[in-house]
Each structure stands twice: as C-alpha cells, then as structure tokens.
Amino acid sequence: MTRRPCIVVRCPDCGEQRVAPAQVTVRCCIDDGGWSYRFICPSCDCRADGESFVSALMAAVDSGAGLESWSSPPGVYDRPTGPLFTASAEDELHRRLLEPDWFDEFRRCDGNFNVER
C-alpha cells in the first residue's frame, strides 16, 4: 500500500485538518516577502488561510501544492492628501446626507465636496 502525502493545515473553526497537497495553495507576497497558504476546509467547506515556516511551505509545494505570488494593488500604501477628516466634517456630512437632494448635489460637485456652503 502506498501512502499519499498529506499536508496539515489549520481551520479557524475546525482546527487541525489533513488535506491532499493539491487542495493547498502556497502564497508569497512580493511586497513584503511574507509567506502563507490557503485552502478550503474539508470539514466545514469554508475558505481559510494560515502562515507557516517557509521551509514547511516549500515542502508542501514539493509534494504538489500550488504556488502563487501576489502584490498589493497600486496606491494601497499611498497616504491620502488634503485636509484631515475631522469630527465637524463628519457632522456636516451626516447633516447633508439627511437632505433629500444630497445625491444630486454630490453628482454636481467637481470632486471637492466642500463642507462649507
């Protein structure tokens, strides 16, 4: 009898599970060099992910797990420019959203939705 390899993964709801290598995808983030894995839990059928040592993840790839690299969308780490969104600006926005024509006014604006009328 031949033993098929299995990978031990951890579902947040079901705990430790054993799955076939083909059911696991090892992921590498190009931005920060972080490694993780994802899978669908065989017990609850939910998507889950986890982190592990790179050596264990490479062993999973060697045994048949998929490998993918990914990066964050452009601009995700950019800091916004412009004035801070203050509590008074939040109050003004709330007040304007209560008005029946708020959406028409928003559509007419040029991207500078001035809180001062």
PDB file of N, CA and C in Angstrom:
ATOM      1  N   MET A   1       0.842  -1.165   0.000  1.00  0.00           N
ATOM      2  CA  MET A   1       0.000   0.000   0.000  1.00  0.00           C
ATOM      3  C   MET A   1       0.896   1.240   0.000  1.00  0.00           C
ATOM      4  N   THR A   2       0.602   2.176  -0.914  1.00  0.00           N
ATOM      5  CA  THR A   2       1.384   3.403  -0.969  1.00  0.00           C
ATOM      6  C   THR A   2       0.670   4.496  -0.188  1.00  0.00           C
ATOM      7  N   ARG A   3       1.446   5.248   0.531  1.00  0.00           N
ATOM      8  CA  ARG A   3       0.878   6.346   1.306  1.00  0.00           C
ATOM      9  C   ARG A   3       0.890   7.606   0.457  1.00  0.00           C
ATOM     10  N   ARG A   4      -0.238   8.258   0.391  1.00  0.00           N
ATOM     11  CA  ARG A   4      -0.304   9.535  -0.311  1.00  0.00           C
ATOM     12  C   ARG A   4       0.109  10.628   0.660  1.00  0.00           C
ATOM     13  N   PRO A   5       0.863  11.626   0.187  1.00  0.00           N
ATOM     14  CA  PRO A   5       1.267  12.695   1.089  1.00  0.00           C
ATOM     15  C   PRO A   5       0.063  13.541   1.497  1.00  0.00           C
ATOM     16  N   CYS A   6       0.127  14.076   2.689  1.00  0.00           N
ATOM     17  CA  CYS A   6      -0.913  14.988   3.141  1.00  0.00           C
ATOM     18  C   CYS A   6      -0.250  16.188   3.810  1.00  0.00           C
ATOM     19  N   ILE A   7      -0.968  17.266   3.844  1.00  0.00           N
ATOM     20  CA  ILE A   7      -0.486  18.493   4.453  1.00  0.00           C
ATOM     21  C   ILE A   7      -1.396  18.815   5.632  1.00  0.00           C
ATOM     22  N   VAL A   8      -0.788  19.175   6.737  1.00  0.00           N
ATOM     23  CA  VAL A   8      -1.559  19.556   7.923  1.00  0.00           C
ATOM     24  C   VAL A   8      -1.806  21.057   7.853  1.00  0.00           C
ATOM     25  N   VAL A   9      -3.078  21.438   7.865  1.00  0.00           N
ATOM     26  CA  VAL A   9      -3.490  22.844   7.824  1.00  0.00           C
ATOM     27  C   VAL A   9      -4.352  23.123   9.048  1.00  0.00           C
ATOM     28  N   ARG A  10      -4.608  24.386   9.314  1.00  0.00           N
ATOM     29  CA  ARG A  10      -5.412  24.738  10.476  1.00  0.00           C
ATOM     30  C   ARG A  10      -6.575  25.630  10.063  1.00  0.00           C
ATOM     31  N   CYS A  11      -7.785  25.114  10.265  1.00  0.00           N
ATOM     32  CA  CYS A  11      -9.011  25.871  10.024  1.00  0.00           C
ATOM     33  C   CYS A  11      -9.348  26.616  11.320  1.00  0.00           C
ATOM     34  N   PRO A  12      -9.718  27.901  11.239  1.00  0.00           N
ATOM     35  CA  PRO A  12     -10.038  28.627  12.467  1.00  0.00           C
ATOM     36  C   PRO A  12     -11.262  28.072  13.195  1.00  0.00           C
ATOM     37  N   ASP A  13     -12.157  27.396  12.476  1.00  0.00           N
ATOM     38  CA  ASP A  13     -13.359  26.844  13.108  1.00  0.00           C
ATOM     39  C   ASP A  13     -13.206  25.374  13.488  1.00  0.00           C
ATOM     40  N   CYS A  14     -12.555  24.600  12.644  1.00  0.00           N
ATOM     41  CA  CYS A  14     -12.494  23.149  12.838  1.00  0.00           C
ATOM     42  C   CYS A  14     -11.179  22.663  13.436  1.00  0.00           C
ATOM     43  N   GLY A  15     -10.174  23.508  13.459  1.00  0.00           N
ATOM     44  CA  GLY A  15      -8.879  23.100  13.989  1.00  0.00           C
ATOM     45  C   GLY A  15      -8.030  22.423  12.932  1.00  0.00           C
ATOM     46  N   GLU A  16      -7.129  21.596  13.405  1.00  0.00           N
ATOM     47  CA  GLU A  16      -6.164  20.935  12.522  1.00  0.00           C
ATOM     48  C   GLU A  16      -6.854  19.936  11.600  1.00  0.00           C
ATOM     49  N   GLN A  17      -6.487  20.008  10.312  1.00  0.00           N
ATOM     50  CA  GLN A  17      -7.042  19.124   9.292  1.00  0.00           C
ATOM     51  C   GLN A  17      -5.893  18.593   8.442  1.00  0.00           C
ATOM     52  N   ARG A  18      -6.133  17.450   7.830  1.00  0.00           N
ATOM     53  CA  ARG A  18      -5.162  16.892   6.886  1.00  0.00           C
ATOM     54  C   ARG A  18      -5.809  16.902   5.510  1.00  0.00           C
ATOM     55  N   VAL A  19      -5.070  17.493   4.556  1.00  0.00           N
ATOM     56  CA  VAL A  19      -5.604  17.616   3.203  1.00  0.00           C
ATOM     57  C   VAL A  19      -4.548  17.169   2.198  1.00  0.00           C
ATOM     58  N   ALA A  20      -5.003  16.862   1.007  1.00  0.00           N
ATOM     59  CA  ALA A  20      -4.086  16.498  -0.080  1.00  0.00           C
ATOM     60  C   ALA A  20      -3.335  17.748  -0.529  1.00  0.00           C
ATOM     61  N   PRO A  21      -2.101  17.607  -0.989  1.00  0.00           N
ATOM     62  CA  PRO A  21      -1.333  18.768  -1.439  1.00  0.00           C
ATOM     63  C   PRO A  21      -2.057  19.603  -2.497  1.00  0.00           C
ATOM     64  N   ALA A  22      -2.794  18.964  -3.377  1.00  0.00           N
ATOM     65  CA  ALA A  22      -3.495  19.693  -4.440  1.00  0.00           C
ATOM     66  C   ALA A  22      -4.579  20.619  -3.895  1.00  0.00           C
ATOM     67  N   GLN A  23      -4.965  20.453  -2.638  1.00  0.00           N
ATOM     68  CA  GLN A  23      -6.004  21.297  -2.035  1.00  0.00           C
ATOM     69  C   GLN A  23      -5.425  22.535  -1.358  1.00  0.00           C
ATOM     70  N   VAL A  24      -4.115  22.721  -1.423  1.00  0.00           N
ATOM     71  CA  VAL A  24      -3.450  23.835  -0.761  1.00  0.00           C
ATOM     72  C   VAL A  24      -2.745  24.695  -1.800  1.00  0.00           C
ATOM     73  N   THR A  25      -2.818  25.997  -1.611  1.00  0.00           N
ATOM     74  CA  THR A  25      -2.060  26.933  -2.428  1.00  0.00           C
ATOM     75  C   THR A  25      -1.141  27.722  -1.511  1.00  0.00           C
ATOM     76  N   VAL A  26       0.135  27.658  -1.789  1.00  0.00           N
ATOM     77  CA  VAL A  26       1.134  28.421  -1.045  1.00  0.00           C
ATOM     78  C   VAL A  26       1.259  29.782  -1.725  1.00  0.00           C
ATOM     79  N   ARG A  27       1.304  30.852  -0.918  1.00  0.00           N
ATOM     80  CA  ARG A  27       1.306  32.208  -1.455  1.00  0.00           C
ATOM     81  C   ARG A  27       2.510  32.995  -0.953  1.00  0.00           C
ATOM     82  N   CYS A  28       3.106  33.772  -1.845  1.00  0.00           N
ATOM     83  CA  CYS A  28       4.219  34.654  -1.485  1.00  0.00           C
ATOM     84  C   CYS A  28       3.840  36.084  -1.860  1.00  0.00           C
ATOM     85  N   CYS A  29       3.915  36.995  -0.889  1.00  0.00           N
ATOM     86  CA  CYS A  29       3.646  38.407  -1.143  1.00  0.00           C
ATOM     87  C   CYS A  29       4.921  39.074  -1.647  1.00  0.00           C
ATOM     88  N   ILE A  30       4.872  39.607  -2.834  1.00  0.00           N
ATOM     89  CA  ILE A  30       6.031  40.255  -3.437  1.00  0.00           C
ATOM     90  C   ILE A  30       6.407  41.517  -2.670  1.00  0.00           C
ATOM     91  N   ASP A  31       5.420  42.224  -2.115  1.00  0.00           N
ATOM     92  CA  ASP A  31       5.671  43.495  -1.437  1.00  0.00           C
ATOM     93  C   ASP A  31       6.532  43.338  -0.188  1.00  0.00           C
ATOM     94  N   ASP A  32       6.193  42.372   0.654  1.00  0.00           N
ATOM     95  CA  ASP A  32       6.915  42.262   1.926  1.00  0.00           C
ATOM     96  C   ASP A  32       7.622  40.917   2.121  1.00  0.00           C
ATOM     97  N   GLY A  33       7.534  40.025   1.138  1.00  0.00           N
ATOM     98  CA  GLY A  33       8.209  38.731   1.247  1.00  0.00           C
ATOM     99  C   GLY A  33       7.533  37.770   2.207  1.00  0.00           C
ATOM    100  N   GLY A  34       6.304  38.078   2.617  1.00  0.00           N
ATOM    101  CA  GLY A  34       5.574  37.196   3.538  1.00  0.00           C
ATOM    102  C   GLY A  34       5.043  35.962   2.831  1.00  0.00           C
ATOM    103  N   TRP A  35       5.004  34.854   3.563  1.00  0.00           N
ATOM    104  CA  TRP A  35       4.524  33.580   3.018  1.00  0.00           C
ATOM    105  C   TRP A  35       3.305  33.127   3.797  1.00  0.00           C
ATOM    106  N   SER A  36       2.349  32.521   3.102  1.00  0.00           N
ATOM    107  CA  SER A  36       1.145  31.993   3.738  1.00  0.00           C
ATOM    108  C   SER A  36       0.596  30.874   2.857  1.00  0.00           C
ATOM    109  N   TYR A  37      -0.507  30.303   3.274  1.00  0.00           N
ATOM    110  CA  TYR A  37      -1.172  29.285   2.466  1.00  0.00           C
ATOM    111  C   TYR A  37      -2.672  29.479   2.574  1.00  0.00           C
ATOM    112  N   ARG A  38      -3.388  28.947   1.591  1.00  0.00           N
ATOM    113  CA  ARG A  38      -4.848  28.993   1.626  1.00  0.00           C
ATOM    114  C   ARG A  38      -5.395  27.638   1.212  1.00  0.00           C
ATOM    115  N   PHE A  39      -6.608  27.363   1.660  1.00  0.00           N
ATOM    116  CA  PHE A  39      -7.243  26.078   1.356  1.00  0.00           C
ATOM    117  C   PHE A  39      -8.728  26.185   1.667  1.00  0.00           C
ATOM    118  N   ILE A  40      -9.460  25.174   1.269  1.00  0.00           N
ATOM    119  CA  ILE A  40     -10.871  25.056   1.652  1.00  0.00           C
ATOM    120  C   ILE A  40     -10.951  23.906   2.637  1.00  0.00           C
ATOM    121  N   CYS A  41     -11.494  24.190   3.809  1.00  0.00           N
ATOM    122  CA  CYS A  41     -11.548  23.187   4.864  1.00  0.00           C
ATOM    123  C   CYS A  41     -12.437  22.017   4.441  1.00  0.00           C
ATOM    124  N   PRO A  42     -11.933  20.797   4.566  1.00  0.00           N
ATOM    125  CA  PRO A  42     -12.735  19.637   4.176  1.00  0.00           C
ATOM    126  C   PRO A  42     -13.899  19.374   5.136  1.00  0.00           C
ATOM    127  N   SER A  43     -13.849  19.910   6.343  1.00  0.00           N
ATOM    128  CA  SER A  43     -14.923  19.680   7.310  1.00  0.00           C
ATOM    129  C   SER A  43     -16.073  20.662   7.164  1.00  0.00           C
ATOM    130  N   CYS A  44     -15.746  21.970   7.083  1.00  0.00           N
ATOM    131  CA  CYS A  44     -16.815  22.976   7.051  1.00  0.00           C
ATOM    132  C   CYS A  44     -16.970  23.639   5.685  1.00  0.00           C
ATOM    133  N   ASP A  45     -16.102  23.315   4.737  1.00  0.00           N
ATOM    134  CA  ASP A  45     -16.154  23.829   3.370  1.00  0.00           C
ATOM    135  C   ASP A  45     -15.958  25.347   3.284  1.00  0.00           C
ATOM    136  N   CYS A  46     -15.306  25.927   4.294  1.00  0.00           N
ATOM    137  CA  CYS A  46     -15.024  27.359   4.290  1.00  0.00           C
ATOM    138  C   CYS A  46     -13.602  27.612   3.827  1.00  0.00           C
ATOM    139  N   ARG A  47     -13.408  28.757   3.200  1.00  0.00           N
ATOM    140  CA  ARG A  47     -12.052  29.155   2.808  1.00  0.00           C
ATOM    141  C   ARG A  47     -11.298  29.565   4.060  1.00  0.00           C
ATOM    142  N   ALA A  48     -10.046  29.207   4.127  1.00  0.00           N
ATOM    143  CA  ALA A  48      -9.211  29.558   5.274  1.00  0.00           C
ATOM    144  C   ALA A  48      -7.798  29.790   4.800  1.00  0.00           C
ATOM    145  N   ASP A  49      -7.036  30.467   5.624  1.00  0.00           N
ATOM    146  CA  ASP A  49      -5.631  30.674   5.308  1.00  0.00           C
ATOM    147  C   ASP A  49      -4.831  30.620   6.588  1.00  0.00           C
ATOM    148  N   GLY A  50      -3.543  30.550   6.428  1.00  0.00           N
ATOM    149  CA  GLY A  50      -2.675  30.482   7.584  1.00  0.00           C
ATOM    150  C   GLY A  50      -1.245  30.802   7.198  1.00  0.00           C
ATOM    151  N   GLU A  51      -0.411  30.889   8.206  1.00  0.00           N
ATOM    152  CA  GLU A  51       1.008  31.139   7.996  1.00  0.00           C
ATOM    153  C   GLU A  51       1.790  29.961   8.541  1.00  0.00           C
ATOM    154  N   SER A  52       2.980  29.772   8.001  1.00  0.00           N
ATOM    155  CA  SER A  52       3.845  28.696   8.457  1.00  0.00           C
ATOM    156  C   SER A  52       5.282  29.072   8.135  1.00  0.00           C
ATOM    157  N   PHE A  53       6.190  28.208   8.493  1.00  0.00           N
ATOM    158  CA  PHE A  53       7.591  28.418   8.159  1.00  0.00           C
ATOM    159  C   PHE A  53       7.782  28.226   6.660  1.00  0.00           C
ATOM    160  N   VAL A  54       8.669  29.009   6.074  1.00  0.00           N
ATOM    161  CA  VAL A  54       8.927  28.912   4.638  1.00  0.00           C
ATOM    162  C   VAL A  54       9.371  27.503   4.269  1.00  0.00           C
ATOM    163  N   SER A  55      10.171  26.868   5.121  1.00  0.00           N
ATOM    164  CA  SER A  55      10.646  25.515   4.808  1.00  0.00           C
ATOM    165  C   SER A  55       9.475  24.531   4.720  1.00  0.00           C
ATOM    166  N   ALA A  56       8.500  24.659   5.609  1.00  0.00           N
ATOM    167  CA  ALA A  56       7.323  23.781   5.569  1.00  0.00           C
ATOM    168  C   ALA A  56       6.479  24.071   4.332  1.00  0.00           C
ATOM    169  N   LEU A  57       6.369  25.342   3.971  1.00  0.00           N
ATOM    170  CA  LEU A  57       5.588  25.693   2.792  1.00  0.00           C
ATOM    171  C   LEU A  57       6.259  25.216   1.516  1.00  0.00           C
ATOM    172  N   MET A  58       7.582  25.294   1.462  1.00  0.00           N
ATOM    173  CA  MET A  58       8.303  24.788   0.286  1.00  0.00           C
ATOM    174  C   MET A  58       8.182  23.260   0.197  1.00  0.00           C
ATOM    175  N   ALA A  59       8.154  22.586   1.333  1.00  0.00           N
ATOM    176  CA  ALA A  59       7.940  21.136   1.327  1.00  0.00           C
ATOM    177  C   ALA A  59       6.543  20.821   0.793  1.00  0.00           C
ATOM    178  N   ALA A  60       5.563  21.665   1.128  1.00  0.00           N
ATOM    179  CA  ALA A  60       4.206  21.469   0.608  1.00  0.00           C
ATOM    180  C   ALA A  60       4.196  21.627  -0.906  1.00  0.00           C
ATOM    181  N   VAL A  61       4.913  22.622  -1.415  1.00  0.00           N
ATOM    182  CA  VAL A  61       4.996  22.815  -2.871  1.00  0.00           C
ATOM    183  C   VAL A  61       5.681  21.619  -3.515  1.00  0.00           C
ATOM    184  N   ASP A  62       6.743  21.138  -2.908  1.00  0.00           N
ATOM    185  CA  ASP A  62       7.446  19.961  -3.440  1.00  0.00           C
ATOM    186  C   ASP A  62       6.544  18.738  -3.496  1.00  0.00           C
ATOM    187  N   SER A  63       5.577  18.662  -2.577  1.00  0.00           N
ATOM    188  CA  SER A  63       4.694  17.493  -2.565  1.00  0.00           C
ATOM    189  C   SER A  63       3.460  17.685  -3.445  1.00  0.00           C
ATOM    190  N   GLY A  64       3.310  18.876  -4.078  1.00  0.00           N
ATOM    191  CA  GLY A  64       2.209  19.041  -5.024  1.00  0.00           C
ATOM    192  C   GLY A  64       1.288  20.218  -4.777  1.00  0.00           C
ATOM    193  N   ALA A  65       1.525  21.018  -3.743  1.00  0.00           N
ATOM    194  CA  ALA A  65       0.691  22.201  -3.509  1.00  0.00           C
ATOM    195  C   ALA A  65       0.979  23.242  -4.577  1.00  0.00           C
ATOM    196  N   GLY A  66      -0.025  24.044  -4.887  1.00  0.00           N
ATOM    197  CA  GLY A  66       0.167  25.115  -5.853  1.00  0.00           C
ATOM    198  C   GLY A  66       0.983  26.242  -5.244  1.00  0.00           C
ATOM    199  N   LEU A  67       1.552  27.069  -6.104  1.00  0.00           N
ATOM    200  CA  LEU A  67       2.352  28.205  -5.656  1.00  0.00           C
ATOM    201  C   LEU A  67       1.920  29.429  -6.439  1.00  0.00           C
ATOM    202  N   GLU A  68       1.642  30.520  -5.737  1.00  0.00           N
ATOM    203  CA  GLU A  68       1.291  31.767  -6.409  1.00  0.00           C
ATOM    204  C   GLU A  68       1.965  32.933  -5.705  1.00  0.00           C
ATOM    205  N   SER A  69       2.275  33.957  -6.469  1.00  0.00           N
ATOM    206  CA  SER A  69       2.801  35.183  -5.890  1.00  0.00           C
ATOM    207  C   SER A  69       1.759  36.269  -6.108  1.00  0.00           C
ATOM    208  N   TRP A  70       1.764  37.242  -5.227  1.00  0.00           N
ATOM    209  CA  TRP A  70       0.791  38.320  -5.332  1.00  0.00           C
ATOM    210  C   TRP A  70       1.407  39.604  -4.801  1.00  0.00           C
ATOM    211  N   SER A  71       0.802  40.713  -5.178  1.00  0.00           N
ATOM    212  CA  SER A  71       1.231  42.006  -4.664  1.00  0.00           C
ATOM    213  C   SER A  71      -0.011  42.865  -4.446  1.00  0.00           C
ATOM    214  N   SER A  72       0.150  43.858  -3.627  1.00  0.00           N
ATOM    215  CA  SER A  72      -0.958  44.766  -3.324  1.00  0.00           C
ATOM    216  C   SER A  72      -1.253  45.640  -4.538  1.00  0.00           C
ATOM    217  N   PRO A  73      -2.488  46.078  -4.664  1.00  0.00           N
ATOM    218  CA  PRO A  73      -2.824  46.959  -5.790  1.00  0.00           C
ATOM    219  C   PRO A  73      -2.031  48.265  -5.714  1.00  0.00           C
ATOM    220  N   PRO A  74      -1.762  48.886  -6.846  1.00  0.00           N
ATOM    221  CA  PRO A  74      -1.025  50.152  -6.831  1.00  0.00           C
ATOM    222  C   PRO A  74      -1.763  51.191  -5.978  1.00  0.00           C
ATOM    223  N   GLY A  75      -0.998  51.944  -5.217  1.00  0.00           N
ATOM    224  CA  GLY A  75      -1.566  53.021  -4.426  1.00  0.00           C
ATOM    225  C   GLY A  75      -2.082  52.633  -3.068  1.00  0.00           C
ATOM    226  N   VAL A  76      -2.088  51.354  -2.736  1.00  0.00           N
ATOM    227  CA  VAL A  76      -2.684  50.938  -1.476  1.00  0.00           C
ATOM    228  C   VAL A  76      -1.899  51.471  -0.268  1.00  0.00           C
ATOM    229  N   TYR A  77      -0.614  51.717  -0.440  1.00  0.00           N
ATOM    230  CA  TYR A  77       0.196  52.232   0.663  1.00  0.00           C
ATOM    231  C   TYR A  77       0.385  53.749   0.602  1.00  0.00           C
ATOM    232  N   ASP A  78      -0.189  54.391  -0.402  1.00  0.00           N
ATOM    233  CA  ASP A  78      -0.067  55.840  -0.513  1.00  0.00           C
ATOM    234  C   ASP A  78      -0.863  56.522   0.594  1.00  0.00           C
ATOM    235  N   ARG A  79      -0.306  57.578   1.113  1.00  0.00           N
ATOM    236  CA  ARG A  79      -1.003  58.357   2.128  1.00  0.00           C
ATOM    237  C   ARG A  79      -1.906  59.362   1.430  1.00  0.00           C
ATOM    238  N   PRO A  80      -3.123  59.509   1.904  1.00  0.00           N
ATOM    239  CA  PRO A  80      -4.017  60.476   1.263  1.00  0.00           C
ATOM    240  C   PRO A  80      -3.532  61.905   1.493  1.00  0.00           C
ATOM    241  N   THR A  81      -3.858  62.769   0.540  1.00  0.00           N
ATOM    242  CA  THR A  81      -3.522  64.181   0.686  1.00  0.00           C
ATOM    243  C   THR A  81      -4.789  64.953   1.002  1.00  0.00           C
ATOM    244  N   GLY A  82      -4.629  66.163   1.387  1.00  0.00           N
ATOM    245  CA  GLY A  82      -5.779  67.001   1.686  1.00  0.00           C
ATOM    246  C   GLY A  82      -5.989  67.135   3.177  1.00  0.00           C
ATOM    247  N   PRO A  83      -7.010  67.883   3.543  1.00  0.00           N
ATOM    248  CA  PRO A  83      -7.256  68.117   4.970  1.00  0.00           C
ATOM    249  C   PRO A  83      -7.746  66.847   5.672  1.00  0.00           C
ATOM    250  N   LEU A  84      -7.499  66.813   6.969  1.00  0.00           N
ATOM    251  CA  LEU A  84      -7.969  65.690   7.768  1.00  0.00           C
ATOM    252  C   LEU A  84      -9.493  65.686   7.839  1.00  0.00           C
ATOM    253  N   PHE A  85     -10.047  64.507   7.964  1.00  0.00           N
ATOM    254  CA  PHE A  85     -11.485  64.366   8.123  1.00  0.00           C
ATOM    255  C   PHE A  85     -11.787  64.510   9.618  1.00  0.00           C
ATOM    256  N   THR A  86     -12.277  65.658   9.989  1.00  0.00           N
ATOM    257  CA  THR A  86     -12.483  65.978  11.404  1.00  0.00           C
ATOM    258  C   THR A  86     -13.891  65.590  11.855  1.00  0.00           C
ATOM    259  N   ALA A  87     -14.118  65.686  13.144  1.00  0.00           N
ATOM    260  CA  ALA A  87     -15.446  65.388  13.696  1.00  0.00           C
ATOM    261  C   ALA A  87     -16.478  66.378  13.156  1.00  0.00           C
ATOM    262  N   SER A  88     -16.097  67.636  12.993  1.00  0.00           N
ATOM    263  CA  SER A  88     -17.059  68.611  12.465  1.00  0.00           C
ATOM    264  C   SER A  88     -17.380  68.320  11.001  1.00  0.00           C
ATOM    265  N   ALA A  89     -16.384  67.840  10.246  1.00  0.00           N
ATOM    266  CA  ALA A  89     -16.647  67.462   8.854  1.00  0.00           C
ATOM    267  C   ALA A  89     -17.582  66.252   8.805  1.00  0.00           C
ATOM    268  N   GLU A  90     -17.398  65.324   9.732  1.00  0.00           N
ATOM    269  CA  GLU A  90     -18.289  64.162   9.797  1.00  0.00           C
ATOM    270  C   GLU A  90     -19.717  64.589  10.120  1.00  0.00           C
ATOM    271  N   ASP A  91     -19.864  65.516  11.049  1.00  0.00           N
ATOM    272  CA  ASP A  91     -21.197  66.026  11.400  1.00  0.00           C
ATOM    273  C   ASP A  91     -21.852  66.698  10.200  1.00  0.00           C
ATOM    274  N   GLU A  92     -21.066  67.501   9.467  1.00  0.00           N
ATOM    275  CA  GLU A  92     -21.600  68.192   8.288  1.00  0.00           C
ATOM    276  C   GLU A  92     -22.002  67.184   7.210  1.00  0.00           C
ATOM    277  N   LEU A  93     -21.189  66.167   6.993  1.00  0.00           N
ATOM    278  CA  LEU A  93     -21.530  65.136   6.020  1.00  0.00           C
ATOM    279  C   LEU A  93     -22.821  64.434   6.419  1.00  0.00           C
ATOM    280  N   HIS A  94     -22.947  64.090   7.677  1.00  0.00           N
ATOM    281  CA  HIS A  94     -24.172  63.435   8.166  1.00  0.00           C
ATOM    282  C   HIS A  94     -25.389  64.332   7.931  1.00  0.00           C
ATOM    283  N   ARG A  95     -25.244  65.612   8.239  1.00  0.00           N
ATOM    284  CA  ARG A  95     -26.358  66.547   8.047  1.00  0.00           C
ATOM    285  C   ARG A  95     -26.744  66.617   6.571  1.00  0.00           C
ATOM    286  N   ARG A  96     -25.742  66.681   5.690  1.00  0.00           N
ATOM    287  CA  ARG A  96     -26.045  66.763   4.256  1.00  0.00           C
ATOM    288  C   ARG A  96     -26.682  65.484   3.714  1.00  0.00           C
ATOM    289  N   LEU A  97     -26.272  64.342   4.237  1.00  0.00           N
ATOM    290  CA  LEU A  97     -26.864  63.076   3.774  1.00  0.00           C
ATOM    291  C   LEU A  97     -28.317  62.938   4.185  1.00  0.00           C
ATOM    292  N   LEU A  98     -28.743  63.685   5.167  1.00  0.00           N
ATOM    293  CA  LEU A  98     -30.150  63.675   5.585  1.00  0.00           C
ATOM    294  C   LEU A  98     -31.033  64.506   4.661  1.00  0.00           C
ATOM    295  N   GLU A  99     -30.424  65.370   3.852  1.00  0.00           N
ATOM    296  CA  GLU A  99     -31.202  66.203   2.937  1.00  0.00           C
ATOM    297  C   GLU A  99     -31.626  65.385   1.721  1.00  0.00           C
ATOM    298  N   PRO A 100     -32.842  65.612   1.209  1.00  0.00           N
ATOM    299  CA  PRO A 100     -33.353  64.773   0.121  1.00  0.00           C
ATOM    300  C   PRO A 100     -32.578  64.908  -1.190  1.00  0.00           C
ATOM    301  N   ASP A 101     -31.914  66.030  -1.434  1.00  0.00           N
ATOM    302  CA  ASP A 101     -31.211  66.206  -2.709  1.00  0.00           C
ATOM    303  C   ASP A 101     -29.709  65.999  -2.595  1.00  0.00           C
ATOM    304  N   TRP A 102     -29.263  65.265  -1.570  1.00  0.00           N
ATOM    305  CA  TRP A 102     -27.830  65.115  -1.341  1.00  0.00           C
ATOM    306  C   TRP A 102     -27.119  64.453  -2.514  1.00  0.00           C
ATOM    307  N   PHE A 103     -27.762  63.482  -3.150  1.00  0.00           N
ATOM    308  CA  PHE A 103     -27.092  62.769  -4.228  1.00  0.00           C
ATOM    309  C   PHE A 103     -26.950  63.649  -5.464  1.00  0.00           C
ATOM    310  N   ASP A 104     -27.975  64.445  -5.758  1.00  0.00           N
ATOM    311  CA  ASP A 104     -27.886  65.363  -6.896  1.00  0.00           C
ATOM    312  C   ASP A 104     -26.776  66.385  -6.674  1.00  0.00           C
ATOM    313  N   GLU A 105     -26.662  66.885  -5.451  1.00  0.00           N
ATOM    314  CA  GLU A 105     -25.598  67.834  -5.134  1.00  0.00           C
ATOM    315  C   GLU A 105     -24.223  67.170  -5.274  1.00  0.00           C
ATOM    316  N   PHE A 106     -24.116  65.955  -4.845  1.00  0.00           N
ATOM    317  CA  PHE A 106     -22.858  65.222  -4.955  1.00  0.00           C
ATOM    318  C   PHE A 106     -22.464  65.028  -6.413  1.00  0.00           C
ATOM    319  N   ARG A 107     -23.423  64.680  -7.250  1.00  0.00           N
ATOM    320  CA  ARG A 107     -23.137  64.465  -8.669  1.00  0.00           C
ATOM    321  C   ARG A 107     -22.691  65.749  -9.353  1.00  0.00           C
ATOM    322  N   ARG A 108     -23.167  66.904  -8.881  1.00  0.00           N
ATOM    323  CA  ARG A 108     -22.789  68.182  -9.475  1.00  0.00           C
ATOM    324  C   ARG A 108     -21.404  68.645  -9.036  1.00  0.00           C
ATOM    325  N   CYS A 109     -20.868  68.080  -7.965  1.00  0.00           N
ATOM    326  CA  CYS A 109     -19.606  68.589  -7.446  1.00  0.00           C
ATOM    327  C   CYS A 109     -18.437  68.181  -8.349  1.00  0.00           C
ATOM    328  N   ASP A 110     -17.341  68.904  -8.226  1.00  0.00           N
ATOM    329  CA  ASP A 110     -16.164  68.674  -9.074  1.00  0.00           C
ATOM    330  C   ASP A 110     -15.108  67.841  -8.362  1.00  0.00           C
ATOM    331  N   GLY A 111     -15.485  67.096  -7.351  1.00  0.00           N
ATOM    332  CA  GLY A 111     -14.536  66.305  -6.585  1.00  0.00           C
ATOM    333  C   GLY A 111     -14.157  66.984  -5.297  1.00  0.00           C
ATOM    334  N   ASN A 112     -14.509  68.244  -5.151  1.00  0.00           N
ATOM    335  CA  ASN A 112     -14.247  68.993  -3.925  1.00  0.00           C
ATOM    336  C   ASN A 112     -15.565  69.247  -3.226  1.00  0.00           C
ATOM    337  N   PHE A 113     -16.051  68.279  -2.525  1.00  0.00           N
ATOM    338  CA  PHE A 113     -17.324  68.376  -1.836  1.00  0.00           C
ATOM    339  C   PHE A 113     -17.115  69.235  -0.592  1.00  0.00           C
ATOM    340  N   ASN A 114     -17.191  70.525  -0.789  1.00  0.00           N
ATOM    341  CA  ASN A 114     -16.882  71.480   0.266  1.00  0.00           C
ATOM    342  C   ASN A 114     -17.908  71.396   1.379  1.00  0.00           C
ATOM    343  N   VAL A 115     -17.439  71.288   2.602  1.00  0.00           N
ATOM    344  CA  VAL A 115     -18.361  71.205   3.725  1.00  0.00           C
ATOM    345  C   VAL A 115     -18.849  72.577   4.153  1.00  0.00           C
ATOM    346  N   GLU A 116     -18.228  73.623   3.624  1.00  0.00           N
ATOM    347  CA  GLU A 116     -18.677  74.970   3.923  1.00  0.00           C
ATOM    348  C   GLU A 116     -19.498  75.461   2.745  1.00  0.00           C
ATOM    349  N   ARG A 117     -20.720  75.878   3.006  1.00  0.00           N
ATOM    350  CA  ARG A 117     -21.573  76.359   1.912  1.00  0.00           C
ATOM    351  C   ARG A 117     -21.344  77.803   1.643  1.00  0.00           C
TER     352      ARG A 117
END
